[in-house]
Protein backbone atom coordinates (compact mmCIF):
# COMPACT_ATOMS: atom_id res chain seq x y z
CA MET A 1 84.17 -114.89 33.21
CA ALA A 2 84.75 -112.49 36.13
CA LYS A 3 85.75 -109.01 35.09
CA LEU A 4 86.11 -105.62 36.72
CA SER A 5 84.37 -102.79 34.87
CA ALA A 6 86.15 -99.48 34.36
CA SER A 7 84.15 -97.90 37.19
CA GLU A 8 85.01 -100.83 39.50
CA LEU A 9 88.69 -100.47 38.62
CA VAL A 10 88.60 -96.76 39.42
CA SER A 11 86.84 -97.49 42.73
CA LEU A 12 89.38 -100.20 43.52
CA ILE A 13 92.34 -97.84 43.03
CA ARG A 14 90.64 -95.17 45.14
CA SER A 15 89.97 -97.71 47.90
CA VAL A 16 93.35 -99.41 47.88
CA PHE A 17 95.31 -96.15 47.63
CA PRO A 18 93.55 -93.35 49.56
CA ARG A 19 94.57 -90.19 47.77
CA HIS A 20 97.63 -88.11 48.55
CA PRO A 21 97.93 -84.66 46.92
CA ASP A 22 101.12 -85.61 45.07
CA ASP A 23 99.75 -88.82 43.51
CA ARG A 24 100.35 -88.43 39.78
CA CYS A 25 101.38 -91.78 38.31
CA LEU A 26 100.15 -95.37 38.58
CA THR A 27 102.42 -98.05 37.12
CA ILE A 28 101.26 -101.58 36.34
CA LEU A 29 104.19 -104.01 36.52
CA VAL A 30 104.29 -107.29 34.60
CA ASP A 31 107.00 -109.90 34.16
CA ILE A 32 107.61 -111.52 30.76
CA PRO A 33 108.89 -115.11 30.36
CA ARG A 34 112.55 -115.32 29.47
CA ARG A 35 111.90 -118.63 27.74
CA ARG A 36 108.76 -119.55 25.81
CA GLN A 37 108.72 -123.03 27.37
CA SER A 38 108.47 -121.54 30.89
CA ASP A 39 105.20 -119.74 30.05
CA ASN A 40 101.82 -121.10 31.10
CA THR A 41 98.13 -120.43 30.51
CA ALA A 42 97.58 -118.57 33.80
CA TRP A 43 100.56 -116.32 33.16
CA LYS A 44 99.34 -115.48 29.65
CA GLU A 45 95.90 -114.64 31.04
CA ARG A 46 97.44 -112.46 33.78
CA ARG A 47 99.34 -110.45 31.17
CA ARG A 48 96.12 -109.99 29.18
CA LEU A 49 94.42 -108.84 32.37
CA ALA A 50 97.21 -106.34 33.06
CA SER A 51 96.84 -104.96 29.53
CA GLU A 52 93.07 -104.64 30.01
CA TRP A 53 93.51 -102.80 33.28
CA PHE A 54 96.14 -100.54 31.77
CA GLY A 55 93.83 -99.56 28.90
CA ALA A 56 90.83 -98.91 31.16
CA LEU A 57 92.74 -97.00 33.84
CA LYS A 58 94.63 -94.91 31.29
CA LYS A 59 91.31 -93.94 29.69
CA HIS A 60 89.74 -93.08 33.07
CA SER A 61 92.82 -91.75 34.88
CA ALA A 62 91.25 -88.33 35.43
CA GLU A 63 88.52 -89.95 37.54
CA ILE A 64 91.02 -91.32 40.09
CA PRO A 65 92.55 -88.64 39.61
CA LEU A 66 96.00 -89.26 38.13
CA ASP A 67 98.07 -87.65 35.40
CA THR A 68 99.61 -90.82 34.00
CA VAL A 69 99.13 -94.59 33.92
CA LYS A 70 102.06 -96.70 32.69
CA LEU A 71 102.56 -100.35 31.76
CA ILE A 72 106.09 -101.47 32.64
CA ALA A 73 107.45 -104.92 31.75
CA TYR A 74 110.66 -106.75 32.55
CA PRO A 75 112.18 -110.24 32.08
CA ASP A 76 111.02 -112.63 34.79
CA THR A 77 113.30 -113.11 37.81
CA GLY A 78 112.71 -116.87 37.92
CA SER A 79 111.97 -116.91 41.65
CA ASN A 80 109.46 -115.46 44.08
CA ASN A 81 110.71 -112.34 45.90
CA ALA A 82 114.04 -112.19 44.12
CA ASP A 83 115.44 -108.72 43.44
CA LEU A 84 114.19 -106.99 40.30
CA PRO A 85 116.53 -106.43 37.34
CA GLY A 86 118.17 -103.06 36.93
CA GLN A 87 116.15 -102.11 33.84
CA ALA A 88 112.60 -102.42 32.54
CA ILE A 89 110.61 -101.35 29.46
CA ARG A 90 107.76 -98.85 29.31
CA ILE A 91 105.37 -100.59 26.91
CA GLU A 92 104.21 -98.52 23.93
CA THR A 93 102.80 -101.31 21.72
CA ARG A 94 101.71 -104.79 22.83
CA LEU A 95 103.29 -106.99 25.44
CA PRO A 96 105.64 -109.45 23.76
CA ALA A 97 105.29 -113.20 24.26
CA VAL A 98 108.90 -113.55 25.46
CA ALA A 99 111.41 -111.20 27.03
CA SER A 100 113.62 -111.09 23.93
CA GLY A 101 110.91 -108.97 22.31
CA LEU A 102 110.82 -106.30 25.01
CA ASP A 103 113.28 -103.92 23.34
CA LYS A 104 110.93 -103.53 20.37
CA ALA A 105 107.86 -102.99 22.56
CA GLY A 106 108.82 -99.69 24.17
CA LYS A 107 111.45 -97.54 25.82
CA PRO A 108 113.94 -98.83 28.39
CA GLY A 109 114.39 -97.22 31.76
CA LEU A 110 116.16 -97.89 35.04
CA PHE A 111 114.02 -99.28 37.83
CA GLU A 112 115.47 -96.64 40.15
CA ASP A 113 114.03 -93.94 37.85
CA ILE A 114 110.70 -95.77 37.62
CA PHE A 115 110.54 -95.91 41.43
CA ARG A 116 111.24 -92.16 41.68
CA GLU A 117 108.60 -91.25 39.09
CA THR A 118 105.79 -93.51 40.33
CA GLN A 119 103.62 -92.98 43.40
CA LEU A 120 101.37 -96.07 43.01
CA PHE A 121 102.10 -99.59 41.76
CA LEU A 122 99.98 -102.61 40.86
CA ALA A 123 102.07 -105.73 40.24
CA PRO A 124 100.08 -108.68 38.79
CA THR A 125 103.16 -110.84 38.14
CA GLU A 126 104.05 -114.52 37.86
CA TYR A 127 106.87 -114.26 40.40
CA SER A 128 106.18 -112.29 43.56
CA THR A 129 107.63 -108.78 43.78
CA THR A 130 106.55 -108.24 47.39
CA ALA A 131 110.05 -108.30 48.91
CA PRO A 132 111.82 -105.98 46.45
CA LEU A 133 108.88 -103.55 46.30
CA LYS A 134 108.60 -103.40 50.09
CA ASN A 135 112.27 -102.50 50.32
CA ALA A 136 112.12 -99.99 47.45
CA ALA A 137 108.93 -98.41 48.85
CA LYS A 138 110.74 -97.58 52.09
CA LYS A 139 113.46 -95.84 50.10
CA HIS A 140 111.34 -94.00 47.54
CA GLY A 141 108.07 -93.45 49.39
CA PHE A 142 105.69 -95.01 46.84
CA ARG A 143 102.81 -97.39 47.62
CA ALA A 144 102.46 -100.79 45.97
CA ALA A 145 99.88 -103.58 45.80
CA THR A 146 101.59 -106.82 44.77
CA MET A 147 99.46 -109.46 43.06
CA PRO A 148 101.63 -112.53 42.28
CA GLY A 149 99.66 -115.32 40.67
CA PHE A 150 96.55 -113.14 40.36
CA SER A 151 93.76 -114.57 38.21
CA ARG A 152 90.20 -113.70 37.31
CA ALA A 153 89.07 -116.25 39.90
CA MET A 154 90.37 -113.85 42.56
CA ILE A 155 88.23 -110.92 41.46
CA PRO A 156 85.51 -111.70 44.08
CA ALA A 157 88.22 -111.18 46.71
CA LEU A 158 88.52 -107.57 45.51
CA GLN A 159 84.81 -106.99 46.17
CA ILE A 160 84.49 -107.89 49.88
CA ASP A 161 84.08 -105.61 52.90
CA TYR A 162 87.66 -104.50 53.49
CA GLY A 163 86.51 -102.35 56.40
CA GLU A 164 85.71 -105.51 58.35
CA VAL A 165 88.85 -107.21 57.03
CA SER A 166 90.87 -104.29 58.36
CA ARG A 167 89.19 -104.52 61.77
CA ARG A 168 90.06 -108.21 62.10
CA VAL A 169 93.68 -107.99 61.01
CA LEU A 170 94.31 -105.02 63.30
CA PHE A 171 92.73 -106.95 66.20
CA LEU A 172 95.13 -109.83 65.49
CA LYS A 173 98.07 -107.44 65.24
CA GLU A 174 97.40 -106.09 68.73
CA LYS A 175 97.54 -109.63 70.10
CA LEU A 176 100.66 -110.68 68.19
CA ASP A 177 102.47 -107.49 69.20
CA ARG A 178 101.91 -108.37 72.87
CA ALA A 179 102.71 -112.06 72.51
CA GLU A 180 106.14 -113.45 73.34
CA ALA A 181 105.45 -116.82 71.72
CA ALA A 182 102.89 -118.76 69.71
CA GLU A 183 102.40 -122.48 70.23
CA ILE A 184 100.74 -124.31 67.34
CA ARG A 185 99.50 -127.91 67.62
CA PHE A 186 99.11 -129.84 64.37
CA ALA A 187 97.50 -133.24 63.81
CA VAL A 188 98.35 -135.51 60.87
CA ASP A 189 95.56 -137.81 59.70
CA GLY A 190 93.68 -136.98 62.91
CA ARG A 191 96.10 -139.08 64.97
CA GLN A 192 99.72 -138.06 65.24
CA GLU A 193 100.25 -134.70 66.95
CA TYR A 194 103.16 -132.30 66.45
CA ARG A 195 103.95 -129.01 68.17
CA MET A 196 105.76 -125.87 67.08
CA THR A 197 106.74 -122.93 69.27
CA PHE A 198 107.41 -119.67 67.45
CA ASP A 199 109.51 -117.09 69.29
CA LEU A 200 107.82 -113.69 68.88
CA ARG A 201 110.03 -111.64 71.18
CA TRP A 202 111.35 -108.32 69.86
CA ARG A 203 109.04 -108.49 66.87
CA THR A 204 105.93 -106.56 65.81
CA ALA A 205 103.27 -107.86 63.45
CA HIS A 206 102.27 -106.52 60.05
CA THR A 207 98.80 -106.27 58.57
CA SER A 208 97.60 -106.86 55.04
CA SER A 209 94.25 -105.12 55.08
CA GLY A 210 93.63 -104.29 51.42
CA ARG A 211 94.37 -100.59 51.91
CA PHE A 212 97.67 -98.70 51.65
CA PRO A 213 97.08 -95.23 53.08
CA ASP A 214 100.69 -94.62 54.13
CA LYS A 215 103.57 -93.73 51.85
CA GLY A 216 106.46 -96.17 51.75
CA THR A 217 104.32 -99.30 52.10
CA ALA A 218 103.76 -102.34 49.91
CA GLY A 219 101.85 -105.58 50.33
CA ASN A 220 99.56 -108.13 48.78
CA LEU A 221 96.21 -107.63 47.10
CA PRO A 222 93.86 -109.44 47.64
CA SER A 223 94.54 -108.87 51.31
CA GLY A 224 93.41 -110.23 54.64
CA GLU A 225 96.13 -111.44 56.99
CA THR A 226 98.28 -110.50 59.95
CA TYR A 227 101.82 -111.86 59.89
CA ILE A 228 104.99 -111.70 61.93
CA VAL A 229 108.61 -112.76 61.50
CA PRO A 230 109.69 -115.06 64.35
CA TYR A 231 112.77 -113.85 66.21
CA GLU A 232 115.78 -115.13 64.24
CA GLY A 233 118.44 -115.03 66.96
CA GLU A 234 120.29 -111.90 65.87
CA LYS A 235 120.60 -110.66 69.48
CA SER A 236 122.70 -112.35 72.14
CA ASP A 237 119.81 -114.61 73.13
CA PRO A 238 119.24 -117.59 70.75
CA SER A 239 115.85 -117.95 69.08
CA ARG A 240 113.40 -120.19 70.91
CA THR A 241 111.54 -121.18 67.74
CA GLU A 242 111.58 -124.97 67.78
CA GLY A 243 109.54 -128.12 67.31
CA THR A 244 108.33 -130.34 64.49
CA LEU A 245 106.57 -128.72 61.55
CA PRO A 246 104.56 -131.13 59.39
CA VAL A 247 104.04 -130.19 55.76
CA GLN A 248 101.99 -132.07 53.17
CA VAL A 249 103.36 -131.93 49.62
CA GLU A 250 101.12 -133.83 47.21
CA ASP A 251 100.18 -136.96 49.22
CA GLU A 252 103.40 -137.05 51.22
CA ILE A 253 103.94 -135.86 54.79
CA ILE A 254 107.32 -134.24 55.44
CA LEU A 255 108.49 -133.47 58.97
CA PHE A 256 110.82 -130.51 59.43
CA GLN A 257 112.76 -130.50 62.68
CA ILE A 258 113.18 -126.89 63.77
CA LYS A 259 115.75 -125.53 66.22
CA GLY A 260 116.83 -121.92 66.69
CA ASN A 261 114.31 -120.81 64.03
CA ARG A 262 115.99 -122.99 61.37
CA ALA A 263 115.17 -126.36 59.87
CA VAL A 264 117.95 -128.67 61.05
CA ALA A 265 116.61 -131.97 59.67
CA VAL A 266 114.03 -133.28 57.22
CA GLU A 267 112.24 -136.56 57.90
CA GLY A 268 110.37 -138.58 55.33
CA ALA A 269 111.08 -141.46 52.98
CA GLY A 270 109.40 -140.18 49.82
CA PRO A 271 110.66 -138.17 46.85
CA GLN A 272 109.25 -134.87 48.17
CA ALA A 273 111.17 -135.24 51.43
CA ARG A 274 114.36 -135.99 49.53
CA SER A 275 113.79 -132.96 47.34
CA GLU A 276 113.27 -130.73 50.37
CA ALA A 277 116.36 -132.12 52.09
CA ASP A 278 118.40 -131.44 48.95
CA HIS A 279 117.05 -127.87 48.86
CA PHE A 280 118.14 -127.20 52.46
CA MET A 281 121.58 -128.69 51.82
CA ARG A 282 121.99 -126.48 48.75
CA GLU A 283 120.48 -123.34 50.30
CA PRO A 284 120.62 -123.26 54.12
CA ALA A 285 118.79 -119.89 54.19
CA TYR A 286 115.71 -121.65 52.78
CA GLY A 287 115.37 -123.33 56.20
CA ASN A 288 114.73 -120.02 57.97
CA MET A 289 111.30 -119.67 59.58
CA ALA A 290 110.47 -116.41 57.84
CA GLU A 291 106.82 -115.83 58.70
CA LEU A 292 103.94 -116.93 60.89
CA GLY A 293 100.75 -115.71 59.24
CA PHE A 294 97.07 -115.67 60.11
CA GLY A 295 94.67 -115.22 57.19
CA VAL A 296 91.06 -114.19 57.87
CA LEU A 297 89.17 -114.41 54.56
CA THR A 298 87.47 -117.81 55.01
CA ASP A 299 84.67 -116.15 56.98
CA PHE A 300 83.94 -113.90 53.99
CA GLY A 301 82.84 -116.85 51.85
CA LEU A 302 85.98 -117.09 49.74
CA GLN A 303 87.34 -120.43 48.60
CA PRO A 304 90.92 -121.49 47.77
CA ILE A 305 91.84 -121.45 44.09
CA GLY A 306 95.32 -122.96 44.13
CA GLU A 307 97.24 -119.66 44.20
CA ILE A 308 99.25 -118.63 47.27
CA LEU A 309 98.28 -114.96 46.89
CA LEU A 310 94.69 -115.74 47.85
CA ASP A 311 94.95 -119.09 49.60
CA GLU A 312 97.34 -117.84 52.31
CA LYS A 313 94.72 -115.25 53.30
CA LEU A 314 92.28 -118.05 54.23
CA GLY A 315 94.05 -119.42 57.30
CA LEU A 316 97.26 -120.11 59.17
CA HIS A 317 100.47 -120.31 57.16
CA VAL A 318 104.20 -120.61 57.79
CA ALA A 319 106.87 -119.40 55.37
CA PHE A 320 110.42 -120.55 54.74
CA GLY A 321 113.30 -118.41 53.49
CA ARG A 322 113.64 -114.66 52.97
CA SER A 323 112.40 -112.39 55.76
CA ASP A 324 114.08 -109.00 55.40
CA HIS A 325 111.08 -107.49 53.60
CA PHE A 326 109.00 -108.22 56.71
CA GLY A 327 111.54 -106.83 59.16
CA GLY A 328 113.68 -109.95 59.54
CA ILE A 329 117.38 -110.43 58.84
CA ILE A 330 117.49 -112.99 56.00
CA GLY A 331 117.87 -111.28 52.61
CA PRO A 332 119.19 -112.07 49.13
CA ALA A 333 122.81 -112.09 50.33
CA ALA A 334 122.06 -115.22 52.39
CA PHE A 335 121.37 -117.21 49.20
CA SER A 336 123.86 -118.48 46.65
CA SER A 337 122.40 -116.51 43.73
CA PRO A 338 119.46 -114.21 42.91
CA SER A 339 117.57 -117.09 41.27
CA GLU A 340 117.73 -119.07 44.54
CA VAL A 341 116.14 -116.34 46.69
CA ILE A 342 112.81 -117.60 47.96
CA HIS A 343 110.01 -116.90 50.41
CA LEU A 344 107.66 -119.90 50.31
CA ASP A 345 104.40 -120.19 52.25
CA ARG A 346 102.99 -123.48 53.52
CA ILE A 347 99.25 -123.00 53.99
CA TYR A 348 97.29 -124.98 56.58
CA ILE A 349 93.78 -125.20 55.19
CA PRO A 350 91.97 -128.42 54.18
CA ALA A 351 92.03 -127.73 50.45
CA VAL A 352 95.82 -127.29 50.45
CA GLN A 353 97.00 -129.74 53.12
CA PRO A 354 94.02 -132.07 53.76
CA ARG A 355 95.96 -134.52 55.92
CA ILE A 356 97.03 -131.82 58.39
CA THR A 357 94.77 -129.86 60.75
CA VAL A 358 95.60 -126.94 63.03
CA GLU A 359 94.37 -128.34 66.32
CA SER A 360 95.04 -125.12 68.22
CA ALA A 361 96.99 -121.87 68.18
CA VAL A 362 97.82 -120.35 71.56
CA LEU A 363 99.50 -117.00 72.18
CA GLU A 364 101.67 -116.70 75.27
CA TYR A 365 101.95 -113.28 76.88
CA GLY A 366 104.61 -112.16 79.30
CA ASP A 367 102.09 -110.24 81.38
CA GLY A 368 99.09 -112.55 81.48
CA ALA A 369 97.50 -115.92 80.88
CA PRO A 370 97.89 -117.66 77.49
CA GLU A 371 95.08 -117.14 74.99
CA LYS A 372 93.80 -119.73 72.55
CA ILE A 373 92.93 -117.93 69.33
CA MET A 374 92.30 -120.92 67.01
CA GLU A 375 90.84 -124.40 67.41
CA LYS A 376 90.35 -126.98 64.66
CA GLY A 377 91.47 -124.39 62.14
CA LYS A 378 88.81 -121.83 63.14
CA TYR A 379 89.21 -118.55 64.99
CA LEU A 380 87.79 -118.19 68.49
CA ILE A 381 88.26 -114.43 68.73
CA PHE A 382 85.98 -112.96 66.05
């Protein structure tokens, strides 16, 4: 079974977080199931992995160098990218199986205090902490690598050439920053074609390169994507994001009709389409086009494993829902409750959506000819 040695863990922390003179504390964040029946095998294994990393990094902290390594746990939020609870527990014994046992496992503390006292975070959690940690990092100046759904199967993705990954994602960022729109053509079952135009005006792209040299930044690890929030219409000019977005869920094709950067209708006769339509009716903010992302890791020999954290880094993806953590305007207040806050990626690679192919991705510039950057799901620019 894949495993990082203590020396590899030390090297990983040094690589991911280039040293600042005031780096003193690394905190490993884990979420604990509120209910035993909501737990699963992968989550249990991730908590074991976090405990292993905590033990090894605490023992070798002087080699990083750091003064302190902490293991902090909290009750799960129940939803990806929901806000964190106000309080967490610094673990002094073993991680409990359920959140009701946290009080006996260590000392409580406010997350605001934890943020002030920590310079570096690793967050191998069940539910993504990317949004709340991005926002908190801007306020408190720490750096964080979020690892929702991380598993041992992803360890090879921590051992690739992140220098080349960084070069590619920065190259894509330069193009997306200049682009005013992206037109994506999809084909379903190799026959029916659908088009989406994403409005990229007044937006700049973000990179996930596997390195966090700057204070106040947070993002995913493993890394390897460039992503941008489509313009959401907050200025006087309406958003031009529109078209038909096909999504395969299980064997079913669902068609989302997009207008003004929002899903306005859901087409499909199956149970998945009905479920999606119900979700939009219940939570209109879920219909926001929150992200257009371009993952680059396929060329590094990595394969999908069924976890969004890695799989989204392998190709084109589109996210619904929350966008404020990426510079957009849709945040938790747009949802009916904290448990309904969501940022959900739909990933367009054969292993995830085999009936749908990305026929082409074209960037449209205001000062030059359009540029095709993808064809048949493969990049033309690297």
